[in-house]
Amino acid sequence: MFNALVMEKDDESGLASPSVKQLSLDDLPNGDVTVAVEYSTVNYKDGLCTSPKGGGLVRNYPHVPGIDYAGTVEASSDDRFKPGDKVVLTGWRVGEAHWGGYSQKANALADWLVPLPDGLDARQAMAVGTAGFTAMLAVMALEDHGMTPDHGPVLVTGAAGGVGSVATAILSNLGYEVAAVTGRPEAGDYLKSLGASTIVPREELNETTKRPLESESWAGCVDAVGGEMLARVLGQMKYGASVAAVGLAGGAALPATVIPFLLRGVNLLGIDSVMQPYENRVRAWRRIATDLPMDKLEAMVQPATLNDLPQLGADILKGQVKGRVVVDVNA
């Protein structure tokens, strides 16, 4: 028997509630590989999945959330993995459509797993999690489209969040000048400790403008906000620069014009972490192991246990979680 955070729906109210329960291996959905989970984390999707209505992501109950996990292979029917292998899982709708990592044991398809790269342990991998993995994919996409440190400052929106924190640390470590956007003035010192050169108050970019183009300010941007802020930022990009769109904390609508694309050759790059091909996953995790300073990663970490998850899920939906939460599922 092992512990897991289980969401169960009340038939009368139609609402789900979380509790830590004991399960057996027979309770787990089928999979190629059984993983002894060591750590998980808390993402925005986890907040949705642990909410009373499942955020529109959870269809079937009972359900074990947790879209990320890292641990050790316990059993495998696939030749790619053997007992004792260290693995990390992000994406593939695990924790939404499939049972996830808020459990001391998990079954997964072998295709979903990535070997943990040298230089990272399971705890560090979950300090990174989907948020940090997405940040690395964004940096890689910007670099693949020509961004280099000598082109000028790079903007990171929603910088105090999980994606923004890791993106700030990676970019700074790679030699970029980072301008970090946040609506939380108290986060300024935290962001500077991660390597931000400039703190940009959110209100400076949060209003739409009638001008389709403004001064060329940014050589690149990792945008976790979307909405009006993304529209505004597009008009401030340097000629040929790119924006990597990773989130929609400010809304899904994009009240913009095509002028920045036509007159400045600006690129808008969509970053998806859920269905990312295996080869790119391996590339990103290897880059994380070499390009993300572990001391700065540790400074982002907030420790948690399975019992803390219901409150943390509610907090992240309110924008009240800073940095990265690392959940020790065995604590």
Protein backbone atom coordinates (compact mmCIF):
# COMPACT_ATOMS: atom_id res chain seq x y z
CA MET A 1 0.00 0.00 0.00
CA PHE A 2 1.13 3.57 -0.69
CA ASN A 3 -0.17 7.11 -0.28
CA ALA A 4 -1.72 9.28 -2.99
CA LEU A 5 -3.78 12.45 -3.22
CA VAL A 6 -7.10 11.26 -4.62
CA MET A 7 -9.86 13.48 -6.04
CA GLU A 8 -13.32 12.01 -5.46
CA LYS A 9 -16.60 13.43 -6.75
CA ASP A 10 -19.69 13.81 -4.59
CA ASP A 11 -22.69 12.45 -6.52
CA GLU A 12 -25.13 14.96 -5.05
CA SER A 13 -23.20 18.17 -5.51
CA GLY A 14 -21.20 17.05 -8.54
CA LEU A 15 -18.10 18.62 -6.95
CA ALA A 16 -14.80 16.88 -6.29
CA SER A 17 -12.66 17.09 -3.18
CA PRO A 18 -9.09 15.94 -2.46
CA SER A 19 -7.82 13.70 0.34
CA VAL A 20 -4.72 11.61 0.98
CA LYS A 21 -5.64 7.93 0.75
CA GLN A 22 -3.89 4.58 0.63
CA LEU A 23 -3.89 2.74 -2.70
CA SER A 24 -2.43 -0.51 -4.00
CA LEU A 25 -0.69 -1.26 -7.30
CA ASP A 26 -3.93 -2.89 -8.47
CA ASP A 27 -5.65 0.51 -8.21
CA LEU A 28 -3.29 2.12 -10.73
CA PRO A 29 -4.18 2.38 -14.42
CA ASN A 30 -2.22 0.10 -16.73
CA GLY A 31 1.20 1.16 -18.03
CA ASP A 32 4.50 -0.15 -19.38
CA VAL A 33 6.58 1.19 -16.51
CA THR A 34 5.96 1.42 -12.76
CA VAL A 35 7.77 4.36 -11.17
CA ALA A 36 8.50 4.83 -7.50
CA VAL A 37 7.75 8.55 -7.42
CA GLU A 38 10.07 10.68 -5.30
CA TYR A 39 8.99 14.24 -6.10
CA SER A 40 6.27 16.13 -7.93
CA THR A 41 5.44 19.82 -8.20
CA VAL A 42 2.57 22.31 -8.52
CA ASN A 43 1.65 23.96 -11.83
CA TYR A 44 -1.34 26.07 -12.82
CA LYS A 45 -2.95 22.97 -14.37
CA ASP A 46 -2.52 21.16 -11.05
CA GLY A 47 -4.48 23.93 -9.39
CA LEU A 48 -7.26 23.41 -11.90
CA CYS A 49 -7.22 19.63 -11.49
CA THR A 50 -7.46 19.85 -7.69
CA SER A 51 -10.34 22.35 -7.83
CA PRO A 52 -13.94 21.24 -7.14
CA LYS A 53 -14.85 21.14 -10.84
CA GLY A 54 -11.52 19.84 -12.09
CA GLY A 55 -10.91 22.95 -14.16
CA GLY A 56 -12.54 21.30 -17.16
CA LEU A 57 -9.49 19.03 -17.42
CA VAL A 58 -10.53 16.01 -15.31
CA ARG A 59 -13.27 13.88 -16.84
CA ASN A 60 -13.27 10.74 -14.70
CA TYR A 61 -13.18 10.20 -10.94
CA PRO A 62 -11.62 9.01 -8.71
CA HIS A 63 -8.52 10.74 -10.04
CA VAL A 64 -4.90 11.27 -8.97
CA PRO A 65 -3.60 14.68 -10.18
CA GLY A 66 0.01 15.80 -10.66
CA ILE A 67 1.16 16.62 -14.19
CA ASP A 68 4.87 16.15 -13.37
CA TYR A 69 6.89 13.59 -11.48
CA ALA A 70 10.40 12.20 -11.13
CA GLY A 71 11.61 9.01 -9.53
CA THR A 72 13.06 5.55 -10.02
CA VAL A 73 11.83 2.76 -12.28
CA GLU A 74 10.52 -0.11 -10.17
CA ALA A 75 9.32 -2.44 -12.96
CA SER A 76 9.24 -2.22 -16.76
CA SER A 77 7.91 -4.30 -19.65
CA ASP A 78 9.67 -2.01 -22.13
CA ASP A 79 13.32 -2.57 -23.07
CA ARG A 80 14.09 1.15 -22.91
CA PHE A 81 13.86 1.18 -19.11
CA LYS A 82 14.98 -1.16 -16.36
CA PRO A 83 14.57 -1.16 -12.57
CA GLY A 84 16.81 1.45 -10.98
CA ASP A 85 16.69 3.92 -13.90
CA LYS A 86 16.05 7.53 -12.93
CA VAL A 87 13.27 9.12 -15.02
CA VAL A 88 11.28 12.32 -15.34
CA LEU A 89 7.79 12.79 -16.77
CA THR A 90 6.09 15.99 -17.97
CA GLY A 91 3.15 16.46 -20.30
CA TRP A 92 1.15 13.89 -22.30
CA ARG A 93 -1.97 14.94 -20.31
CA VAL A 94 -0.75 12.96 -17.32
CA GLY A 95 -2.44 14.32 -14.20
CA GLU A 96 -5.41 15.38 -16.38
CA ALA A 97 -6.65 12.49 -18.53
CA HIS A 98 -4.30 9.98 -16.88
CA TRP A 99 -3.41 9.48 -13.23
CA GLY A 100 -0.43 11.59 -12.25
CA GLY A 101 2.38 12.16 -9.82
CA TYR A 102 0.64 13.03 -6.56
CA SER A 103 1.26 9.44 -5.53
CA GLN A 104 4.13 7.35 -4.22
CA LYS A 105 3.71 4.96 -7.18
CA ALA A 106 2.69 5.65 -10.77
CA ASN A 107 2.25 3.66 -13.96
CA ALA A 108 3.28 5.29 -17.24
CA LEU A 109 3.72 4.48 -20.89
CA ALA A 110 7.40 4.22 -21.76
CA ASP A 111 6.94 6.83 -24.50
CA TRP A 112 6.11 9.41 -21.85
CA LEU A 113 9.33 9.03 -19.86
CA VAL A 114 12.69 10.73 -20.34
CA PRO A 115 15.90 9.50 -18.68
CA LEU A 116 17.05 11.95 -16.05
CA PRO A 117 20.18 13.62 -17.47
CA ASP A 118 23.53 13.52 -15.68
CA GLY A 119 23.80 16.43 -13.29
CA LEU A 120 20.15 16.44 -12.19
CA ASP A 121 18.53 14.47 -9.37
CA ALA A 122 14.79 13.85 -8.95
CA ARG A 123 14.30 16.77 -6.57
CA GLN A 124 16.04 19.20 -8.90
CA ALA A 125 14.06 17.85 -11.85
CA MET A 126 10.84 18.73 -10.06
CA ALA A 127 12.17 22.13 -9.06
CA VAL A 128 12.37 22.51 -12.84
CA GLY A 129 9.15 20.64 -13.74
CA THR A 130 6.89 21.58 -16.64
CA ALA A 131 7.44 25.27 -15.85
CA GLY A 132 11.22 25.07 -16.20
CA PHE A 133 11.02 22.64 -19.10
CA THR A 134 8.75 25.11 -20.91
CA ALA A 135 11.14 27.97 -20.12
CA MET A 136 14.02 26.00 -21.66
CA LEU A 137 11.94 25.20 -24.76
CA ALA A 138 11.22 28.93 -25.09
CA VAL A 139 14.90 29.91 -24.82
CA MET A 140 15.85 27.20 -27.34
CA ALA A 141 13.20 28.45 -29.80
CA LEU A 142 14.40 32.05 -29.47
CA GLU A 143 17.99 30.97 -30.03
CA ASP A 144 16.98 28.81 -33.01
CA HIS A 145 15.48 32.00 -34.50
CA GLY A 146 18.72 33.94 -34.13
CA MET A 147 18.60 35.53 -30.66
CA THR A 148 22.06 36.13 -29.15
CA PRO A 149 23.19 38.13 -26.09
CA ASP A 150 24.71 40.91 -28.19
CA HIS A 151 21.33 41.80 -29.74
CA GLY A 152 20.09 43.56 -26.61
CA PRO A 153 17.83 43.00 -23.60
CA VAL A 154 15.35 40.13 -23.41
CA LEU A 155 11.95 40.66 -21.80
CA VAL A 156 10.39 38.04 -19.50
CA THR A 157 6.75 38.62 -18.59
CA GLY A 158 5.13 37.03 -15.54
CA ALA A 159 8.69 36.77 -14.33
CA ALA A 160 7.98 35.83 -10.70
CA GLY A 161 6.01 32.75 -11.75
CA GLY A 162 7.45 29.31 -12.38
CA VAL A 163 8.20 29.69 -16.10
CA GLY A 164 9.39 33.26 -15.71
CA SER A 165 11.68 32.49 -12.77
CA VAL A 166 13.49 29.70 -14.60
CA ALA A 167 13.64 31.66 -17.87
CA THR A 168 15.20 34.60 -16.03
CA ALA A 169 17.84 32.39 -14.41
CA ILE A 170 18.70 30.56 -17.65
CA LEU A 171 18.90 33.70 -19.79
CA SER A 172 21.06 35.51 -17.24
CA ASN A 173 23.39 32.52 -16.98
CA LEU A 174 23.74 32.49 -20.78
CA GLY A 175 24.87 36.12 -20.74
CA TYR A 176 21.63 37.90 -21.66
CA GLU A 177 20.47 41.18 -20.14
CA VAL A 178 17.07 40.31 -18.67
CA ALA A 179 14.20 42.75 -18.12
CA ALA A 180 11.70 41.06 -15.78
CA VAL A 181 8.04 42.11 -15.78
CA THR A 182 6.06 41.62 -12.58
CA GLY A 183 2.99 43.03 -10.90
CA ARG A 184 4.44 42.23 -7.48
CA PRO A 185 6.86 44.98 -6.35
CA GLU A 186 7.99 42.80 -3.45
CA ALA A 187 9.35 40.26 -5.98
CA GLY A 188 11.99 42.69 -7.27
CA ASP A 189 14.82 41.49 -5.04
CA TYR A 190 13.95 37.86 -5.76
CA LEU A 191 14.09 38.46 -9.53
CA LYS A 192 17.38 40.33 -9.28
CA SER A 193 18.81 37.40 -7.31
CA LEU A 194 17.92 35.20 -10.29
CA GLY A 195 19.83 37.51 -12.61
CA ALA A 196 17.33 40.13 -13.78
CA SER A 197 19.03 43.40 -14.71
CA THR A 198 15.86 45.50 -14.79
CA ILE A 199 12.45 45.21 -13.13
CA VAL A 200 9.58 46.42 -15.32
CA PRO A 201 6.31 47.16 -13.45
CA ARG A 202 3.40 45.30 -15.02
CA GLU A 203 1.31 48.45 -15.41
CA GLU A 204 3.84 49.83 -17.93
CA LEU A 205 2.87 47.09 -20.40
CA ASN A 206 -0.63 46.19 -19.31
CA GLU A 207 -2.50 48.81 -21.31
CA THR A 208 -3.26 48.65 -25.00
CA THR A 209 -2.03 51.42 -27.25
CA LYS A 210 -3.44 52.66 -30.56
CA ARG A 211 0.06 52.73 -32.02
CA PRO A 212 0.85 49.43 -33.74
CA LEU A 213 4.59 50.10 -33.35
CA GLU A 214 6.59 51.66 -30.53
CA SER A 215 10.33 52.09 -29.99
CA GLU A 216 12.36 48.96 -30.71
CA SER A 217 13.27 47.83 -27.20
CA TRP A 218 13.59 44.03 -26.94
CA ALA A 219 15.79 41.49 -28.70
CA GLY A 220 13.54 38.66 -27.55
CA CYS A 221 10.73 37.87 -25.15
CA VAL A 222 9.50 34.91 -23.11
CA ASP A 223 5.81 35.72 -22.58
CA ALA A 224 3.76 33.89 -19.96
CA VAL A 225 0.93 36.45 -19.91
CA GLY A 226 -0.65 36.75 -23.37
CA GLY A 227 -3.60 39.09 -23.80
CA GLU A 228 -3.08 42.85 -23.91
CA MET A 229 0.50 42.62 -22.65
CA LEU A 230 1.57 40.34 -25.49
CA ALA A 231 -0.10 42.66 -28.00
CA ARG A 232 1.80 45.60 -26.54
CA VAL A 233 5.13 43.76 -26.47
CA LEU A 234 4.85 42.75 -30.14
CA GLY A 235 4.98 46.44 -31.08
CA GLN A 236 8.16 46.95 -29.02
CA MET A 237 10.26 44.14 -30.49
CA LYS A 238 13.43 44.89 -32.44
CA TYR A 239 13.57 44.16 -36.14
CA GLY A 240 13.54 40.39 -36.76
CA ALA A 241 13.17 39.58 -33.06
CA SER A 242 10.96 36.82 -31.68
CA VAL A 243 8.46 36.35 -28.88
CA ALA A 244 8.05 32.86 -27.39
CA ALA A 245 4.45 32.55 -26.14
CA VAL A 246 4.18 30.10 -23.25
CA GLY A 247 1.07 31.13 -21.29
CA LEU A 248 -2.13 33.12 -21.00
CA ALA A 249 -2.25 34.36 -17.42
CA GLY A 250 -3.51 37.70 -18.78
CA GLY A 251 -6.07 36.23 -21.16
CA ALA A 252 -6.35 34.22 -24.36
CA ALA A 253 -7.43 37.11 -26.62
CA LEU A 254 -4.78 38.95 -28.63
CA PRO A 255 -5.89 42.52 -29.41
CA ALA A 256 -3.02 43.16 -31.81
CA THR A 257 -2.38 44.12 -35.45
CA VAL A 258 -0.24 42.34 -38.04
CA ILE A 259 1.93 45.46 -38.47
CA PRO A 260 4.86 44.22 -36.29
CA PHE A 261 5.03 41.04 -38.38
CA LEU A 262 4.94 42.90 -41.69
CA LEU A 263 7.11 45.96 -41.01
CA ARG A 264 9.60 44.56 -38.49
CA GLY A 265 9.63 40.87 -39.35
CA VAL A 266 8.71 39.96 -35.77
CA ASN A 267 8.15 36.25 -35.07
CA LEU A 268 5.54 34.90 -32.66
CA LEU A 269 6.62 31.40 -31.59
CA GLY A 270 4.13 29.07 -29.91
CA ILE A 271 5.65 26.87 -27.21
CA ASP A 272 3.86 23.61 -26.35
CA SER A 273 5.30 21.35 -23.67
CA VAL A 274 2.58 18.69 -23.54
CA MET A 275 3.08 16.87 -26.86
CA GLN A 276 6.72 17.82 -27.45
CA PRO A 277 8.62 15.12 -29.43
CA TYR A 278 10.98 12.86 -27.50
CA GLU A 279 14.18 14.12 -29.15
CA ASN A 280 13.40 17.73 -28.25
CA ARG A 281 12.56 16.69 -24.67
CA VAL A 282 15.95 15.05 -24.29
CA ARG A 283 17.66 18.12 -25.79
CA ALA A 284 15.82 20.46 -23.42
CA TRP A 285 16.56 18.40 -20.29
CA ARG A 286 20.25 18.21 -21.23
CA ARG A 287 20.34 21.98 -21.70
CA ILE A 288 18.64 22.44 -18.32
CA ALA A 289 21.34 20.35 -16.65
CA THR A 290 24.08 22.56 -18.10
CA ASP A 291 22.48 26.03 -18.46
CA LEU A 292 20.37 26.45 -15.32
CA PRO A 293 22.46 27.37 -12.24
CA MET A 294 21.51 24.96 -9.46
CA ASP A 295 22.03 27.57 -6.74
CA LYS A 296 19.50 29.86 -8.40
CA LEU A 297 17.13 26.93 -8.89
CA GLU A 298 17.35 26.15 -5.19
CA ALA A 299 16.49 29.78 -4.36
CA MET A 300 13.14 29.34 -6.16
CA VAL A 301 12.09 26.23 -4.21
CA GLN A 302 9.20 26.03 -1.76
CA PRO A 303 8.97 22.54 -0.18
CA ALA A 304 5.62 20.78 0.25
CA THR A 305 3.97 17.44 1.04
CA LEU A 306 0.87 15.67 -0.27
CA ASN A 307 -1.17 17.21 2.56
CA ASP A 308 -0.21 20.72 1.43
CA LEU A 309 -1.47 20.27 -2.13
CA PRO A 310 -5.14 21.31 -1.80
CA GLN A 311 -4.18 24.73 -0.41
CA LEU A 312 -1.29 25.18 -2.86
CA GLY A 313 -3.61 24.33 -5.74
CA ALA A 314 -5.97 27.09 -4.66
CA ASP A 315 -3.08 29.51 -4.12
CA ILE A 316 -1.55 29.06 -7.57
CA LEU A 317 -4.91 29.82 -9.21
CA LYS A 318 -4.88 33.14 -7.35
CA GLY A 319 -1.32 33.95 -8.47
CA GLN A 320 -0.02 33.59 -4.93
CA VAL A 321 2.72 31.02 -5.55
CA LYS A 322 6.20 32.39 -6.24
CA GLY A 323 8.91 30.33 -7.89
CA ARG A 324 8.71 26.54 -7.80
CA VAL A 325 6.98 24.17 -5.38
CA VAL A 326 8.71 20.80 -4.86
CA VAL A 327 6.41 18.12 -3.41
CA ASP A 328 8.08 15.30 -1.47
CA VAL A 329 5.42 12.61 -1.94
CA ASN A 330 7.10 10.39 0.68
CA ALA A 331 7.23 13.01 3.46
